[in-house]
Amino acid sequence: MSRTFRLRTPLSEREVRRLKAGDVVYLSGRVVTARDAAHKRMLNLIEAGRPLPINLHGLPIYHCGPLVRKENGRWTVLAAGPTTSMRMEPFESTVIERLGVRMVIGKGGMGAKTANAMAKFGAVYGAFTGGAAVLAARNITRVIDVEWLNLGIPEALWVLEVKDFGPLIVALDSHGNNLFREVNEKAWERYRSALQGRGVQKPKR
């Protein structure tokens, strides 16, 4: 049975370890967006032993390229839907290990390398519904800061203040559970059973 949590960032390892796959989370506090280019730059800085402009320890990284507008010197987020997380798979495990990120938010799930880092260091993956960009923006109360605008607006690090941001479904938890993998395995088994019922030999994966 799924549970609902309302959490405030920065997140502690203890809070994250309590979460299980299938739980629902609503976040308040700070969330930082980062896509491909930002992750590559983060990795370069980590390898060079140089600090990031933002302390990400305990914060969620949101795989998102927000649509923003600047009026009277202030940024407003108009839409903030999730992007496909698997593009960040080559980088995310290092980011979790070295920068202390406790939650990754996006769509589509991530691979084994990230899942292993989440289990080892205490982090989870929160799945946000694709196509709900305007809904996501409604839960962003303000833009606190932005870094790396030279990467372009979608690729910059946007530090956002959110209130009851969600619902986020815990799809990968810190205990090795993976909703995406479980769904795929069940679907594959049903497919093989359907073929067998028609006298077709079960295909191998």
N, C-alpha and C. Protein backbone atom coordinates (compact mmCIF):
# COMPACT_ATOMS: atom_id res chain seq x y z
N MET A 1 0.85 -1.20 0.00
CA MET A 1 0.00 0.00 0.00
C MET A 1 0.89 1.24 0.00
N SER A 2 0.61 2.17 -0.93
CA SER A 2 1.44 3.37 -1.04
C SER A 2 1.14 4.33 0.10
N ARG A 3 2.15 5.11 0.46
CA ARG A 3 2.03 6.12 1.50
C ARG A 3 2.30 7.48 0.89
N THR A 4 1.84 8.52 1.55
CA THR A 4 2.06 9.89 1.08
C THR A 4 2.93 10.64 2.07
N PHE A 5 3.96 11.31 1.55
CA PHE A 5 4.88 12.08 2.38
C PHE A 5 4.93 13.52 1.88
N ARG A 6 4.93 14.45 2.79
CA ARG A 6 5.15 15.86 2.47
C ARG A 6 6.49 16.23 3.11
N LEU A 7 7.48 16.46 2.27
CA LEU A 7 8.85 16.66 2.74
C LEU A 7 9.35 18.05 2.38
N ARG A 8 10.29 18.52 3.19
CA ARG A 8 10.93 19.82 2.94
C ARG A 8 12.42 19.60 2.68
N THR A 9 12.92 20.26 1.66
CA THR A 9 14.33 20.18 1.34
C THR A 9 15.12 21.19 2.17
N PRO A 10 16.40 20.90 2.46
CA PRO A 10 17.18 19.74 2.02
C PRO A 10 16.73 18.46 2.72
N LEU A 11 16.84 17.35 2.00
CA LEU A 11 16.41 16.05 2.50
C LEU A 11 17.58 15.35 3.20
N SER A 12 17.26 14.66 4.26
CA SER A 12 18.29 13.89 4.96
C SER A 12 18.29 12.46 4.43
N GLU A 13 19.39 11.77 4.65
CA GLU A 13 19.45 10.37 4.24
C GLU A 13 18.39 9.55 4.98
N ARG A 14 18.15 9.88 6.23
CA ARG A 14 17.15 9.15 7.02
C ARG A 14 15.76 9.28 6.39
N GLU A 15 15.40 10.50 5.96
CA GLU A 15 14.10 10.70 5.33
C GLU A 15 13.98 9.90 4.04
N VAL A 16 15.05 9.92 3.26
CA VAL A 16 15.05 9.24 1.97
C VAL A 16 14.97 7.73 2.14
N ARG A 17 15.68 7.20 3.14
CA ARG A 17 15.67 5.75 3.37
C ARG A 17 14.30 5.24 3.80
N ARG A 18 13.47 6.13 4.32
CA ARG A 18 12.12 5.73 4.72
C ARG A 18 11.22 5.48 3.52
N LEU A 19 11.54 6.11 2.40
CA LEU A 19 10.67 6.03 1.22
C LEU A 19 10.82 4.69 0.53
N LYS A 20 9.69 4.18 0.07
CA LYS A 20 9.67 2.91 -0.65
C LYS A 20 9.02 3.10 -2.01
N ALA A 21 9.38 2.26 -2.95
CA ALA A 21 8.79 2.32 -4.29
C ALA A 21 7.27 2.28 -4.21
N GLY A 22 6.63 3.21 -4.90
CA GLY A 22 5.18 3.31 -4.87
C GLY A 22 4.67 4.42 -3.98
N ASP A 23 5.52 4.93 -3.08
CA ASP A 23 5.11 6.04 -2.22
C ASP A 23 4.92 7.31 -3.05
N VAL A 24 4.12 8.22 -2.53
CA VAL A 24 3.86 9.50 -3.18
C VAL A 24 4.49 10.61 -2.33
N VAL A 25 5.21 11.52 -3.01
CA VAL A 25 5.91 12.59 -2.30
C VAL A 25 5.48 13.94 -2.86
N TYR A 26 5.28 14.90 -1.94
CA TYR A 26 5.09 16.30 -2.29
C TYR A 26 6.23 17.07 -1.63
N LEU A 27 6.93 17.87 -2.41
CA LEU A 27 8.11 18.58 -1.93
C LEU A 27 7.84 20.07 -1.72
N SER A 28 8.45 20.62 -0.67
CA SER A 28 8.50 22.06 -0.47
C SER A 28 9.95 22.42 -0.18
N GLY A 29 10.33 23.63 -0.54
CA GLY A 29 11.71 24.05 -0.35
C GLY A 29 12.40 24.30 -1.67
N ARG A 30 13.68 23.98 -1.74
CA ARG A 30 14.47 24.25 -2.94
C ARG A 30 14.65 23.01 -3.81
N VAL A 31 14.50 23.22 -5.12
CA VAL A 31 14.74 22.19 -6.12
C VAL A 31 15.60 22.83 -7.21
N VAL A 32 16.55 22.08 -7.76
CA VAL A 32 17.45 22.61 -8.79
C VAL A 32 17.27 21.83 -10.08
N THR A 33 17.04 22.52 -11.18
CA THR A 33 16.91 21.86 -12.47
C THR A 33 18.29 21.62 -13.08
N ALA A 34 18.41 20.52 -13.82
CA ALA A 34 19.67 20.23 -14.53
C ALA A 34 19.39 19.23 -15.63
N ARG A 35 19.87 19.53 -16.83
CA ARG A 35 19.75 18.61 -17.95
C ARG A 35 21.14 18.17 -18.42
N ASP A 36 21.23 17.73 -19.66
CA ASP A 36 22.45 17.12 -20.18
C ASP A 36 23.69 18.00 -20.02
N ALA A 37 23.62 19.22 -20.54
CA ALA A 37 24.80 20.08 -20.55
C ALA A 37 25.24 20.43 -19.13
N ALA A 38 24.28 20.66 -18.24
CA ALA A 38 24.62 20.98 -16.85
C ALA A 38 25.28 19.79 -16.17
N HIS A 39 24.79 18.58 -16.45
CA HIS A 39 25.40 17.39 -15.86
C HIS A 39 26.83 17.20 -16.36
N LYS A 40 27.05 17.45 -17.62
CA LYS A 40 28.41 17.33 -18.17
C LYS A 40 29.36 18.33 -17.49
N ARG A 41 28.88 19.55 -17.29
CA ARG A 41 29.71 20.55 -16.64
C ARG A 41 29.96 20.17 -15.19
N MET A 42 28.93 19.67 -14.51
CA MET A 42 29.11 19.22 -13.13
C MET A 42 30.20 18.16 -13.05
N LEU A 43 30.15 17.20 -13.96
CA LEU A 43 31.13 16.12 -13.95
C LEU A 43 32.53 16.66 -14.20
N ASN A 44 32.65 17.60 -15.11
CA ASN A 44 33.96 18.21 -15.39
C ASN A 44 34.51 18.91 -14.15
N LEU A 45 33.65 19.61 -13.41
CA LEU A 45 34.09 20.30 -12.21
C LEU A 45 34.48 19.32 -11.11
N ILE A 46 33.70 18.24 -10.99
CA ILE A 46 34.02 17.22 -9.99
C ILE A 46 35.39 16.61 -10.29
N GLU A 47 35.62 16.27 -11.57
CA GLU A 47 36.89 15.65 -11.95
C GLU A 47 38.06 16.61 -11.77
N ALA A 48 37.80 17.92 -11.91
CA ALA A 48 38.86 18.91 -11.75
C ALA A 48 39.03 19.33 -10.29
N GLY A 49 38.18 18.81 -9.40
CA GLY A 49 38.26 19.16 -7.99
C GLY A 49 37.82 20.58 -7.69
N ARG A 50 36.96 21.12 -8.54
CA ARG A 50 36.49 22.49 -8.37
C ARG A 50 35.04 22.50 -7.86
N PRO A 51 34.66 23.52 -7.09
CA PRO A 51 33.30 23.56 -6.53
C PRO A 51 32.26 24.01 -7.55
N LEU A 52 31.02 23.60 -7.32
CA LEU A 52 29.91 24.08 -8.11
C LEU A 52 29.43 25.42 -7.54
N PRO A 53 28.72 26.21 -8.32
CA PRO A 53 28.20 27.48 -7.79
C PRO A 53 27.04 27.29 -6.82
N ILE A 54 26.50 26.06 -6.75
CA ILE A 54 25.38 25.76 -5.87
C ILE A 54 25.73 24.52 -5.05
N ASN A 55 25.42 24.55 -3.77
CA ASN A 55 25.59 23.37 -2.93
C ASN A 55 24.37 22.48 -3.09
N LEU A 56 24.54 21.32 -3.70
CA LEU A 56 23.43 20.42 -4.01
C LEU A 56 23.18 19.39 -2.91
N HIS A 57 23.94 19.43 -1.85
CA HIS A 57 23.80 18.40 -0.81
C HIS A 57 22.38 18.43 -0.22
N GLY A 58 21.71 17.29 -0.31
CA GLY A 58 20.37 17.16 0.23
C GLY A 58 19.27 17.66 -0.66
N LEU A 59 19.64 18.25 -1.80
CA LEU A 59 18.61 18.82 -2.69
C LEU A 59 18.21 17.85 -3.79
N PRO A 60 17.00 17.99 -4.30
CA PRO A 60 16.59 17.22 -5.47
C PRO A 60 17.10 17.89 -6.75
N ILE A 61 17.49 17.07 -7.71
CA ILE A 61 17.77 17.54 -9.07
C ILE A 61 16.57 17.18 -9.92
N TYR A 62 16.05 18.17 -10.62
CA TYR A 62 14.88 17.99 -11.48
C TYR A 62 15.34 18.02 -12.93
N HIS A 63 15.14 16.93 -13.65
CA HIS A 63 15.47 16.87 -15.07
C HIS A 63 14.42 17.66 -15.84
N CYS A 64 14.72 18.92 -16.07
CA CYS A 64 13.72 19.83 -16.62
C CYS A 64 14.42 21.00 -17.29
N GLY A 65 13.89 21.42 -18.41
CA GLY A 65 14.32 22.66 -19.06
C GLY A 65 13.15 23.62 -19.04
N PRO A 66 13.03 24.45 -18.01
CA PRO A 66 11.83 25.25 -17.83
C PRO A 66 11.64 26.33 -18.90
N LEU A 67 10.40 26.66 -19.14
CA LEU A 67 10.05 27.81 -19.97
C LEU A 67 9.87 28.99 -19.02
N VAL A 68 10.69 30.03 -19.21
CA VAL A 68 10.69 31.14 -18.27
C VAL A 68 10.50 32.48 -18.99
N ARG A 69 10.12 33.48 -18.22
CA ARG A 69 9.97 34.84 -18.75
C ARG A 69 10.54 35.80 -17.72
N LYS A 70 11.22 36.85 -18.21
CA LYS A 70 11.79 37.84 -17.30
C LYS A 70 11.04 39.16 -17.45
N GLU A 71 10.48 39.62 -16.35
CA GLU A 71 9.76 40.88 -16.34
C GLU A 71 10.19 41.70 -15.13
N ASN A 72 10.52 42.96 -15.37
CA ASN A 72 10.94 43.86 -14.29
C ASN A 72 12.08 43.27 -13.47
N GLY A 73 13.00 42.60 -14.17
CA GLY A 73 14.17 42.06 -13.53
C GLY A 73 13.95 40.77 -12.77
N ARG A 74 12.76 40.19 -12.85
CA ARG A 74 12.45 38.96 -12.12
C ARG A 74 12.04 37.86 -13.10
N TRP A 75 12.53 36.65 -12.82
CA TRP A 75 12.17 35.49 -13.64
C TRP A 75 10.88 34.85 -13.13
N THR A 76 10.05 34.43 -14.08
CA THR A 76 8.83 33.69 -13.76
C THR A 76 8.84 32.40 -14.57
N VAL A 77 8.54 31.28 -13.94
CA VAL A 77 8.47 30.00 -14.63
C VAL A 77 7.05 29.80 -15.16
N LEU A 78 6.94 29.64 -16.48
CA LEU A 78 5.64 29.46 -17.12
C LEU A 78 5.28 27.98 -17.27
N ALA A 79 6.27 27.16 -17.49
CA ALA A 79 6.06 25.72 -17.65
C ALA A 79 7.32 25.00 -17.22
N ALA A 80 7.14 23.84 -16.61
CA ALA A 80 8.32 23.13 -16.06
C ALA A 80 8.09 21.62 -16.07
N GLY A 81 7.84 21.09 -17.25
CA GLY A 81 7.63 19.66 -17.37
C GLY A 81 8.93 18.88 -17.34
N PRO A 82 8.88 17.60 -16.97
CA PRO A 82 10.09 16.79 -16.89
C PRO A 82 10.59 16.36 -18.27
N THR A 83 11.89 16.17 -18.35
CA THR A 83 12.49 15.62 -19.56
C THR A 83 12.90 14.18 -19.28
N THR A 84 13.25 13.45 -20.34
CA THR A 84 13.60 12.04 -20.22
C THR A 84 14.90 11.86 -19.43
N SER A 85 14.80 11.15 -18.33
CA SER A 85 15.92 11.04 -17.39
C SER A 85 17.06 10.17 -17.89
N MET A 86 16.79 9.21 -18.75
CA MET A 86 17.82 8.26 -19.16
C MET A 86 19.00 8.95 -19.83
N ARG A 87 18.78 10.15 -20.37
CA ARG A 87 19.89 10.88 -21.00
C ARG A 87 20.97 11.24 -19.98
N MET A 88 20.59 11.33 -18.71
CA MET A 88 21.55 11.69 -17.66
C MET A 88 22.18 10.47 -17.00
N GLU A 89 21.89 9.29 -17.48
CA GLU A 89 22.41 8.06 -16.87
C GLU A 89 23.93 8.02 -16.78
N PRO A 90 24.68 8.50 -17.79
CA PRO A 90 26.14 8.43 -17.68
C PRO A 90 26.72 9.29 -16.55
N PHE A 91 25.95 10.25 -16.04
CA PHE A 91 26.48 11.22 -15.07
C PHE A 91 25.91 11.06 -13.66
N GLU A 92 24.67 10.57 -13.55
CA GLU A 92 23.92 10.74 -12.30
C GLU A 92 24.52 10.01 -11.11
N SER A 93 25.10 8.85 -11.33
CA SER A 93 25.67 8.11 -10.19
C SER A 93 26.79 8.91 -9.52
N THR A 94 27.62 9.55 -10.33
CA THR A 94 28.71 10.37 -9.77
C THR A 94 28.16 11.59 -9.05
N VAL A 95 27.13 12.19 -9.61
CA VAL A 95 26.50 13.36 -8.98
C VAL A 95 25.92 12.98 -7.62
N ILE A 96 25.27 11.82 -7.54
CA ILE A 96 24.70 11.36 -6.28
C ILE A 96 25.80 11.10 -5.25
N GLU A 97 26.84 10.42 -5.70
CA GLU A 97 27.94 10.06 -4.78
C GLU A 97 28.72 11.27 -4.30
N ARG A 98 29.10 12.15 -5.22
CA ARG A 98 30.04 13.22 -4.89
C ARG A 98 29.36 14.50 -4.39
N LEU A 99 28.10 14.71 -4.80
CA LEU A 99 27.45 15.98 -4.46
C LEU A 99 26.34 15.83 -3.43
N GLY A 100 26.02 14.60 -3.04
CA GLY A 100 25.03 14.40 -1.98
C GLY A 100 23.60 14.65 -2.38
N VAL A 101 23.29 14.51 -3.66
CA VAL A 101 21.90 14.66 -4.12
C VAL A 101 21.06 13.53 -3.55
N ARG A 102 19.89 13.86 -3.01
CA ARG A 102 19.05 12.86 -2.35
C ARG A 102 17.84 12.43 -3.17
N MET A 103 17.49 13.20 -4.19
CA MET A 103 16.36 12.82 -5.04
C MET A 103 16.61 13.30 -6.45
N VAL A 104 16.23 12.47 -7.41
CA VAL A 104 16.26 12.83 -8.82
C VAL A 104 14.82 12.77 -9.32
N ILE A 105 14.39 13.82 -10.00
CA ILE A 105 13.01 13.91 -10.50
C ILE A 105 13.05 13.97 -12.02
N GLY A 106 12.17 13.22 -12.66
CA GLY A 106 12.11 13.25 -14.11
C GLY A 106 11.04 12.31 -14.60
N LYS A 107 11.20 11.85 -15.86
CA LYS A 107 10.26 10.87 -16.40
C LYS A 107 11.02 9.74 -17.06
N GLY A 108 10.43 8.56 -17.02
CA GLY A 108 10.97 7.43 -17.75
C GLY A 108 11.93 6.55 -16.98
N GLY A 109 12.35 6.97 -15.78
CA GLY A 109 13.25 6.14 -14.99
C GLY A 109 14.70 6.26 -15.42
N MET A 110 15.57 5.50 -14.72
CA MET A 110 16.99 5.53 -15.01
C MET A 110 17.55 4.11 -14.96
N GLY A 111 18.83 3.98 -15.29
CA GLY A 111 19.44 2.68 -15.43
C GLY A 111 20.04 2.12 -14.17
N ALA A 112 20.70 0.97 -14.33
CA ALA A 112 21.24 0.23 -13.19
C ALA A 112 22.33 0.99 -12.45
N LYS A 113 23.14 1.74 -13.16
CA LYS A 113 24.24 2.46 -12.53
C LYS A 113 23.70 3.49 -11.53
N THR A 114 22.68 4.22 -11.94
CA THR A 114 22.07 5.21 -11.05
C THR A 114 21.34 4.51 -9.90
N ALA A 115 20.62 3.44 -10.21
CA ALA A 115 19.89 2.71 -9.18
C ALA A 115 20.84 2.18 -8.11
N ASN A 116 22.00 1.69 -8.52
CA ASN A 116 22.98 1.19 -7.56
C ASN A 116 23.52 2.31 -6.67
N ALA A 117 23.75 3.48 -7.26
CA ALA A 117 24.22 4.62 -6.48
C ALA A 117 23.16 5.07 -5.48
N MET A 118 21.91 5.02 -5.87
CA MET A 118 20.82 5.40 -4.97
C MET A 118 20.76 4.46 -3.76
N ALA A 119 20.95 3.19 -4.02
CA ALA A 119 20.93 2.21 -2.93
C ALA A 119 22.14 2.38 -2.01
N LYS A 120 23.28 2.67 -2.59
CA LYS A 120 24.51 2.76 -1.80
C LYS A 120 24.59 4.05 -0.98
N PHE A 121 24.18 5.17 -1.58
CA PHE A 121 24.40 6.46 -0.93
C PHE A 121 23.12 7.09 -0.37
N GLY A 122 21.97 6.52 -0.66
CA GLY A 122 20.73 7.04 -0.09
C GLY A 122 20.08 8.11 -0.93
N ALA A 123 19.45 7.71 -2.02
CA ALA A 123 18.72 8.64 -2.88
C ALA A 123 17.56 7.89 -3.52
N VAL A 124 16.61 8.63 -4.07
CA VAL A 124 15.46 8.02 -4.73
C VAL A 124 15.17 8.75 -6.04
N TYR A 125 14.38 8.09 -6.88
CA TYR A 125 13.93 8.69 -8.13
C TYR A 125 12.44 8.96 -8.02
N GLY A 126 12.05 10.22 -8.21
CA GLY A 126 10.64 10.60 -8.18
C GLY A 126 10.13 10.84 -9.59
N ALA A 127 9.19 10.03 -10.03
CA ALA A 127 8.63 10.16 -11.37
C ALA A 127 7.53 11.22 -11.37
N PHE A 128 7.66 12.17 -12.30
CA PHE A 128 6.65 13.21 -12.46
C PHE A 128 5.97 13.01 -13.81
N THR A 129 4.67 13.23 -13.86
CA THR A 129 3.90 12.97 -15.06
C THR A 129 4.33 13.87 -16.21
N GLY A 130 4.66 13.27 -17.35
CA GLY A 130 4.96 14.03 -18.54
C GLY A 130 3.70 14.71 -19.06
N GLY A 131 3.86 15.89 -19.68
CA GLY A 131 2.72 16.61 -20.21
C GLY A 131 2.03 17.49 -19.19
N ALA A 132 2.59 17.55 -17.97
CA ALA A 132 1.98 18.36 -16.90
C ALA A 132 2.85 19.57 -16.58
N ALA A 133 3.40 20.19 -17.62
CA ALA A 133 4.37 21.28 -17.42
C ALA A 133 3.75 22.49 -16.73
N VAL A 134 2.53 22.83 -17.11
CA VAL A 134 1.88 24.00 -16.51
C VAL A 134 1.50 23.71 -15.06
N LEU A 135 1.04 22.48 -14.81
CA LEU A 135 0.73 22.07 -13.44
C LEU A 135 1.96 22.17 -12.55
N ALA A 136 3.10 21.73 -13.07
CA ALA A 136 4.35 21.81 -12.30
C ALA A 136 4.70 23.24 -11.97
N ALA A 137 4.51 24.14 -12.93
CA ALA A 137 4.86 25.55 -12.72
C ALA A 137 4.01 26.19 -11.63
N ARG A 138 2.80 25.72 -11.46
CA ARG A 138 1.91 26.29 -10.44
C ARG A 138 2.44 26.07 -9.03
N ASN A 139 3.25 25.04 -8.87
CA ASN A 139 3.80 24.74 -7.55
C ASN A 139 5.18 25.34 -7.33
N ILE A 140 5.63 26.16 -8.28
CA ILE A 140 6.90 26.88 -8.15
C ILE A 140 6.57 28.29 -7.69
N THR A 141 6.97 28.64 -6.48
CA THR A 141 6.59 29.93 -5.93
C THR A 141 7.50 31.06 -6.40
N ARG A 142 8.77 30.74 -6.66
CA ARG A 142 9.66 31.78 -7.18
C ARG A 142 10.97 31.17 -7.67
N VAL A 143 11.66 31.94 -8.49
CA VAL A 143 13.02 31.59 -8.91
C VAL A 143 13.97 32.25 -7.92
N ILE A 144 14.73 31.43 -7.22
CA ILE A 144 15.68 31.95 -6.23
C ILE A 144 16.95 32.43 -6.91
N ASP A 145 17.43 31.67 -7.88
CA ASP A 145 18.70 32.01 -8.54
C ASP A 145 18.80 31.20 -9.83
N VAL A 146 19.72 31.59 -10.68
CA VAL A 146 20.02 30.83 -11.89
C VAL A 146 21.53 30.90 -12.13
N GLU A 147 22.11 29.77 -12.50
CA GLU A 147 23.54 29.68 -12.80
C GLU A 147 23.71 29.04 -14.18
N TRP A 148 24.84 29.35 -14.80
CA TRP A 148 25.23 28.77 -16.08
C TRP A 148 24.24 29.11 -17.21
N LEU A 149 23.80 30.35 -17.23
CA LEU A 149 22.92 30.78 -18.32
C LEU A 149 23.63 30.73 -19.68
N ASN A 150 24.96 30.70 -19.65
CA ASN A 150 25.69 30.60 -20.92
C ASN A 150 25.48 29.24 -21.60
N LEU A 151 24.88 28.28 -20.89
CA LEU A 151 24.52 27.00 -21.51
C LEU A 151 23.20 27.11 -22.26
N GLY A 152 22.48 28.20 -22.06
CA GLY A 152 21.13 28.35 -22.63
C GLY A 152 20.10 28.20 -21.53
N ILE A 153 18.96 28.84 -21.69
CA ILE A 153 17.94 28.83 -20.65
C ILE A 153 17.50 27.42 -20.26
N PRO A 154 17.21 26.51 -21.21
CA PRO A 154 16.76 25.17 -20.79
C PRO A 154 17.83 24.37 -20.05
N GLU A 155 19.11 24.65 -20.35
CA GLU A 155 20.20 23.85 -19.79
C GLU A 155 20.81 24.45 -18.52
N ALA A 156 20.40 25.64 -18.15
CA ALA A 156 20.96 26.29 -16.97
C ALA A 156 20.52 25.59 -15.69
N LEU A 157 21.22 25.93 -14.60
CA LEU A 157 20.81 25.46 -13.28
C LEU A 157 19.84 26.48 -12.70
N TRP A 158 18.58 26.11 -12.60
CA TRP A 158 17.56 26.99 -12.03
C TRP A 158 17.29 26.54 -10.60
N VAL A 159 17.49 27.45 -9.66
CA VAL A 159 17.21 27.15 -8.26
C VAL A 159 15.80 27.66 -7.98
N LEU A 160 14.90 26.74 -7.73
CA LEU A 160 13.49 27.06 -7.60
C LEU A 160 13.00 26.82 -6.18
N GLU A 161 12.12 27.69 -5.73
CA GLU A 161 11.42 27.46 -4.48
C GLU A 161 10.05 26.86 -4.83
N VAL A 162 9.73 25.72 -4.25
CA VAL A 162 8.48 25.04 -4.58
C VAL A 162 7.66 24.82 -3.31
N LYS A 163 6.37 24.65 -3.51
CA LYS A 163 5.47 24.33 -2.41
C LYS A 163 4.54 23.21 -2.85
N ASP A 164 4.57 22.10 -2.12
CA ASP A 164 3.75 20.92 -2.43
C ASP A 164 3.93 20.50 -3.89
N PHE A 165 5.18 20.46 -4.33
CA PHE A 165 5.49 20.08 -5.71
C PHE A 165 5.28 18.57 -5.86
N GLY A 166 4.42 18.21 -6.79
CA GLY A 166 4.12 16.80 -7.00
C GLY A 166 2.77 16.64 -7.68
N PRO A 167 2.22 15.45 -7.64
CA PRO A 167 2.73 14.27 -6.93
C PRO A 167 3.92 13.62 -7.64
N LEU A 168 4.89 13.20 -6.84
CA LEU A 168 6.04 12.47 -7.33
C LEU A 168 5.91 11.03 -6.86
N ILE A 169 5.95 10.10 -7.78
CA ILE A 169 5.88 8.68 -7.44
C ILE A 169 7.29 8.14 -7.27
N VAL A 170 7.59 7.58 -6.11
CA VAL A 170 8.91 6.99 -5.90
C VAL A 170 9.00 5.72 -6.76
N ALA A 171 9.75 5.83 -7.85
CA ALA A 171 9.86 4.71 -8.79
C ALA A 171 11.11 3.87 -8.57
N LEU A 172 12.19 4.50 -8.10
CA LEU A 172 13.40 3.79 -7.67
C LEU A 172 13.67 4.23 -6.25
N ASP A 173 13.72 3.28 -5.33
CA ASP A 173 14.01 3.66 -3.96
C ASP A 173 15.44 3.29 -3.59
N SER A 174 15.81 3.53 -2.33
CA SER A 174 17.19 3.28 -1.89
C SER A 174 17.39 1.85 -1.40
N HIS A 175 16.41 0.99 -1.68
CA HIS A 175 16.47 -0.40 -1.25
C HIS A 175 16.51 -1.37 -2.44
N GLY A 176 16.71 -0.82 -3.63
CA GLY A 176 16.83 -1.66 -4.82
C GLY A 176 15.53 -1.94 -5.54
N ASN A 177 14.42 -1.38 -5.07
CA ASN A 177 13.14 -1.59 -5.74
C ASN A 177 13.00 -0.63 -6.91
N ASN A 178 12.41 -1.12 -8.01
CA ASN A 178 12.33 -0.35 -9.24
C ASN A 178 10.98 -0.63 -9.90
N LEU A 179 10.06 0.35 -9.85
CA LEU A 179 8.73 0.15 -10.42
C LEU A 179 8.78 -0.05 -11.92
N PHE A 180 9.67 0.64 -12.61
CA PHE A 180 9.78 0.48 -14.06
C PHE A 180 10.19 -0.94 -14.42
N ARG A 181 11.14 -1.49 -13.71
CA ARG A 181 11.59 -2.85 -13.97
C ARG A 181 10.48 -3.85 -13.68
N GLU A 182 9.77 -3.65 -12.58
CA GLU A 182 8.69 -4.56 -12.21
C GLU A 182 7.57 -4.56 -13.25
N VAL A 183 7.22 -3.38 -13.74
CA VAL A 183 6.16 -3.28 -14.76
C VAL A 183 6.61 -3.96 -16.05
N ASN A 184 7.86 -3.73 -16.44
CA ASN A 184 8.38 -4.36 -17.67
C ASN A 184 8.39 -5.87 -17.55
N GLU A 185 8.80 -6.38 -16.39
CA GLU A 185 8.84 -7.84 -16.20
C GLU A 185 7.45 -8.44 -16.25
N LYS A 186 6.47 -7.78 -15.64
CA LYS A 186 5.09 -8.29 -15.66
C LYS A 186 4.52 -8.26 -17.07
N ALA A 187 4.81 -7.18 -17.80
CA ALA A 187 4.31 -7.07 -19.17
C ALA A 187 4.92 -8.14 -20.06
N TRP A 188 6.22 -8.38 -19.89
CA TRP A 188 6.91 -9.41 -20.68
C TRP A 188 6.36 -10.79 -20.38
N GLU A 189 6.09 -11.08 -19.12
CA GLU A 189 5.55 -12.38 -18.74
C GLU A 189 4.15 -12.58 -19.32
N ARG A 190 3.33 -11.55 -19.32
CA ARG A 190 1.99 -11.64 -19.91
C ARG A 190 2.08 -11.87 -21.42
N TYR A 191 3.04 -11.20 -22.04
CA TYR A 191 3.23 -11.36 -23.48
C TYR A 191 3.62 -12.79 -23.82
N ARG A 192 4.55 -13.34 -23.05
CA ARG A 192 4.99 -14.72 -23.29
C ARG A 192 3.86 -15.71 -23.02
N SER A 193 3.06 -15.45 -21.98
CA SER A 193 1.94 -16.34 -21.66
C SER A 193 0.89 -16.31 -22.77
N ALA A 194 0.65 -15.11 -23.33
CA ALA A 194 -0.33 -14.98 -24.41
C ALA A 194 0.12 -15.75 -25.65
N LEU A 195 1.41 -15.68 -25.95
CA LEU A 195 1.93 -16.41 -27.11
C LEU A 195 1.85 -17.91 -26.88
N GLN A 196 2.15 -18.34 -25.67
CA GLN A 196 2.12 -19.76 -25.36
C GLN A 196 0.69 -20.29 -25.48
N GLY A 197 -0.29 -19.47 -25.11
CA GLY A 197 -1.69 -19.87 -25.22
C GLY A 197 -2.11 -20.09 -26.67
N ARG A 198 -1.40 -19.49 -27.58
CA ARG A 198 -1.70 -19.66 -29.01
C ARG A 198 -0.80 -20.72 -29.65
N GLY A 199 -0.07 -21.42 -28.82
CA GLY A 199 0.79 -22.48 -29.35
C GLY A 199 2.10 -22.00 -29.88
N VAL A 200 2.47 -20.74 -29.55
CA VAL A 200 3.73 -20.20 -30.00
C VAL A 200 4.77 -20.38 -28.91
N GLN A 201 5.97 -20.80 -29.28
CA GLN A 201 7.03 -20.99 -28.30
C GLN A 201 7.40 -19.67 -27.63
N LYS A 202 7.61 -19.72 -26.31
CA LYS A 202 7.95 -18.50 -25.58
C LYS A 202 9.24 -17.91 -26.12
N PRO A 203 9.21 -16.60 -26.43
CA PRO A 203 10.44 -15.95 -26.90
C PRO A 203 11.40 -15.72 -25.75
N LYS A 204 12.68 -15.70 -26.07
CA LYS A 204 13.68 -15.39 -25.06
C LYS A 204 13.93 -13.88 -25.04
N ARG A 205 14.23 -13.37 -23.85
CA ARG A 205 14.48 -11.95 -23.72
C ARG A 205 15.86 -11.61 -24.27
